[in-house]
Amino acid sequence: MKTSDAVQHFGGRRQLAEVLGITRQAVEKWGVYVAEGAAYKLQHMTGGRLRVIEAAYQKKRRGK
């Protein structure tokens, strides 16, 4: 899940952070993709409107 898509869905980084119970600064550290755990949580919370991109996290786990 791209960070930009999640931010747009919730109307801003602050709102996204509030929904997840984290700081805006934590959201800013994610980079292009939402942190994996948060991505699965957001997928569930949005009923699948935001979706996890499995391949992005698999590459990260393998260090690529």
N, C-alpha and C. Protein backbone atom coordinates (compact mmCIF):
# COMPACT_ATOMS: atom_id res chain seq x y z
N MET A 1 0.84 -1.17 0.00
CA MET A 1 0.00 0.00 0.00
C MET A 1 0.89 1.23 0.00
N LYS A 2 0.62 2.12 -0.90
CA LYS A 2 1.42 3.34 -0.99
C LYS A 2 0.97 4.32 0.08
N THR A 3 1.96 4.97 0.67
CA THR A 3 1.68 5.96 1.70
C THR A 3 0.79 7.07 1.15
N SER A 4 1.06 7.51 -0.06
CA SER A 4 0.28 8.59 -0.65
C SER A 4 -1.20 8.22 -0.78
N ASP A 5 -1.50 6.96 -1.08
CA ASP A 5 -2.89 6.52 -1.18
C ASP A 5 -3.58 6.54 0.18
N ALA A 6 -2.86 6.10 1.21
CA ALA A 6 -3.42 6.08 2.56
C ALA A 6 -3.64 7.51 3.06
N VAL A 7 -2.69 8.39 2.80
CA VAL A 7 -2.81 9.79 3.21
C VAL A 7 -4.01 10.42 2.53
N GLN A 8 -4.14 10.19 1.24
CA GLN A 8 -5.27 10.75 0.49
C GLN A 8 -6.60 10.21 1.02
N HIS A 9 -6.65 8.93 1.29
CA HIS A 9 -7.88 8.30 1.78
C HIS A 9 -8.36 8.94 3.08
N PHE A 10 -7.44 9.24 3.98
CA PHE A 10 -7.81 9.78 5.28
C PHE A 10 -7.75 11.30 5.35
N GLY A 11 -7.32 11.95 4.28
CA GLY A 11 -7.36 13.40 4.23
C GLY A 11 -6.16 14.10 4.80
N GLY A 12 -5.07 13.38 5.02
CA GLY A 12 -3.85 14.01 5.50
C GLY A 12 -3.06 13.08 6.40
N ARG A 13 -1.79 13.42 6.60
CA ARG A 13 -0.91 12.60 7.44
C ARG A 13 -1.36 12.60 8.90
N ARG A 14 -1.80 13.76 9.37
CA ARG A 14 -2.24 13.84 10.77
C ARG A 14 -3.46 12.94 11.01
N GLN A 15 -4.41 12.98 10.10
CA GLN A 15 -5.61 12.16 10.25
C GLN A 15 -5.28 10.68 10.16
N LEU A 16 -4.39 10.33 9.25
CA LEU A 16 -3.97 8.93 9.12
C LEU A 16 -3.29 8.46 10.40
N ALA A 17 -2.42 9.29 10.93
CA ALA A 17 -1.73 8.94 12.17
C ALA A 17 -2.73 8.76 13.31
N GLU A 18 -3.70 9.63 13.40
CA GLU A 18 -4.71 9.54 14.46
C GLU A 18 -5.49 8.23 14.38
N VAL A 19 -5.87 7.85 13.18
CA VAL A 19 -6.62 6.61 12.98
C VAL A 19 -5.82 5.41 13.47
N LEU A 20 -4.52 5.45 13.25
CA LEU A 20 -3.64 4.33 13.65
C LEU A 20 -3.13 4.44 15.08
N GLY A 21 -3.32 5.60 15.70
CA GLY A 21 -2.83 5.79 17.06
C GLY A 21 -1.32 5.96 17.12
N ILE A 22 -0.76 6.58 16.08
CA ILE A 22 0.68 6.83 16.02
C ILE A 22 0.91 8.31 15.76
N THR A 23 2.16 8.73 15.73
CA THR A 23 2.46 10.13 15.47
C THR A 23 2.55 10.41 13.97
N ARG A 24 2.38 11.67 13.63
CA ARG A 24 2.53 12.09 12.24
C ARG A 24 3.96 11.84 11.79
N GLN A 25 4.90 12.01 12.70
CA GLN A 25 6.31 11.79 12.37
C GLN A 25 6.56 10.32 11.99
N ALA A 26 5.87 9.41 12.64
CA ALA A 26 6.01 7.99 12.29
C ALA A 26 5.52 7.76 10.86
N VAL A 27 4.42 8.39 10.50
CA VAL A 27 3.89 8.27 9.14
C VAL A 27 4.92 8.80 8.15
N GLU A 28 5.55 9.91 8.47
CA GLU A 28 6.53 10.52 7.57
C GLU A 28 7.75 9.65 7.35
N LYS A 29 8.07 8.77 8.28
CA LYS A 29 9.23 7.89 8.15
C LYS A 29 8.97 6.69 7.24
N TRP A 30 7.73 6.44 6.87
CA TRP A 30 7.41 5.26 6.07
C TRP A 30 8.06 5.27 4.69
N GLY A 31 8.15 6.38 4.06
CA GLY A 31 8.65 6.42 2.69
C GLY A 31 7.52 6.14 1.71
N VAL A 32 7.82 5.44 0.62
CA VAL A 32 6.84 5.20 -0.44
C VAL A 32 5.71 4.29 0.04
N TYR A 33 6.04 3.27 0.81
CA TYR A 33 5.04 2.29 1.24
C TYR A 33 4.76 2.40 2.73
N VAL A 34 3.49 2.20 3.09
CA VAL A 34 3.06 2.15 4.48
C VAL A 34 3.79 1.00 5.16
N ALA A 35 4.18 1.18 6.42
CA ALA A 35 4.80 0.09 7.17
C ALA A 35 3.89 -1.14 7.11
N GLU A 36 4.49 -2.30 6.98
CA GLU A 36 3.73 -3.53 6.71
C GLU A 36 2.60 -3.78 7.70
N GLY A 37 2.87 -3.70 8.98
CA GLY A 37 1.83 -3.95 9.98
C GLY A 37 0.68 -2.96 9.87
N ALA A 38 1.02 -1.70 9.66
CA ALA A 38 0.00 -0.66 9.51
C ALA A 38 -0.81 -0.88 8.24
N ALA A 39 -0.16 -1.35 7.20
CA ALA A 39 -0.86 -1.59 5.93
C ALA A 39 -1.95 -2.65 6.10
N TYR A 40 -1.64 -3.73 6.79
CA TYR A 40 -2.66 -4.76 7.01
C TYR A 40 -3.79 -4.23 7.88
N LYS A 41 -3.45 -3.42 8.86
CA LYS A 41 -4.48 -2.83 9.72
C LYS A 41 -5.39 -1.91 8.91
N LEU A 42 -4.79 -1.08 8.05
CA LEU A 42 -5.58 -0.17 7.23
C LEU A 42 -6.44 -0.92 6.22
N GLN A 43 -5.91 -2.00 5.67
CA GLN A 43 -6.71 -2.80 4.74
C GLN A 43 -7.97 -3.31 5.43
N HIS A 44 -7.80 -3.79 6.64
CA HIS A 44 -8.94 -4.29 7.43
C HIS A 44 -9.90 -3.15 7.79
N MET A 45 -9.34 -2.04 8.25
CA MET A 45 -10.16 -0.90 8.69
C MET A 45 -10.98 -0.30 7.56
N THR A 46 -10.45 -0.35 6.34
CA THR A 46 -11.14 0.26 5.20
C THR A 46 -11.96 -0.74 4.40
N GLY A 47 -12.08 -1.94 4.91
CA GLY A 47 -12.85 -2.96 4.19
C GLY A 47 -12.27 -3.29 2.83
N GLY A 48 -10.96 -3.13 2.69
CA GLY A 48 -10.28 -3.47 1.44
C GLY A 48 -10.20 -2.33 0.44
N ARG A 49 -10.71 -1.16 0.80
CA ARG A 49 -10.57 -0.02 -0.13
C ARG A 49 -9.10 0.34 -0.31
N LEU A 50 -8.32 0.20 0.75
CA LEU A 50 -6.86 0.29 0.65
C LEU A 50 -6.34 -1.14 0.74
N ARG A 51 -5.44 -1.50 -0.17
CA ARG A 51 -4.99 -2.88 -0.23
C ARG A 51 -3.48 -2.99 -0.07
N VAL A 52 -3.07 -4.03 0.63
CA VAL A 52 -1.66 -4.34 0.81
C VAL A 52 -1.08 -4.79 -0.53
N ILE A 53 0.11 -4.31 -0.84
CA ILE A 53 0.83 -4.73 -2.04
C ILE A 53 1.87 -5.75 -1.57
N GLU A 54 1.51 -7.03 -1.60
CA GLU A 54 2.35 -8.10 -1.07
C GLU A 54 3.78 -8.06 -1.62
N ALA A 55 3.91 -7.84 -2.90
CA ALA A 55 5.24 -7.88 -3.54
C ALA A 55 6.18 -6.84 -2.96
N ALA A 56 5.66 -5.68 -2.59
CA ALA A 56 6.51 -4.62 -2.04
C ALA A 56 7.12 -5.05 -0.71
N TYR A 57 6.36 -5.76 0.10
CA TYR A 57 6.84 -6.18 1.41
C TYR A 57 7.72 -7.42 1.32
N GLN A 58 7.46 -8.27 0.35
CA GLN A 58 8.30 -9.45 0.16
C GLN A 58 9.71 -9.02 -0.23
N LYS A 59 9.81 -8.04 -1.12
CA LYS A 59 11.12 -7.53 -1.53
C LYS A 59 11.85 -6.94 -0.33
N LYS A 60 11.13 -6.20 0.49
CA LYS A 60 11.74 -5.56 1.66
C LYS A 60 12.25 -6.62 2.64
N ARG A 61 11.48 -7.68 2.84
CA ARG A 61 11.88 -8.75 3.77
C ARG A 61 13.14 -9.45 3.28
N ARG A 62 13.30 -9.57 1.97
CA ARG A 62 14.47 -10.24 1.40
C ARG A 62 15.66 -9.30 1.27
N GLY A 63 15.43 -8.02 1.60
CA GLY A 63 16.53 -7.05 1.55
C GLY A 63 16.82 -6.51 0.18
N LYS A 64 15.83 -6.51 -0.69
CA LYS A 64 16.04 -6.00 -2.05
C LYS A 64 15.40 -4.66 -2.22
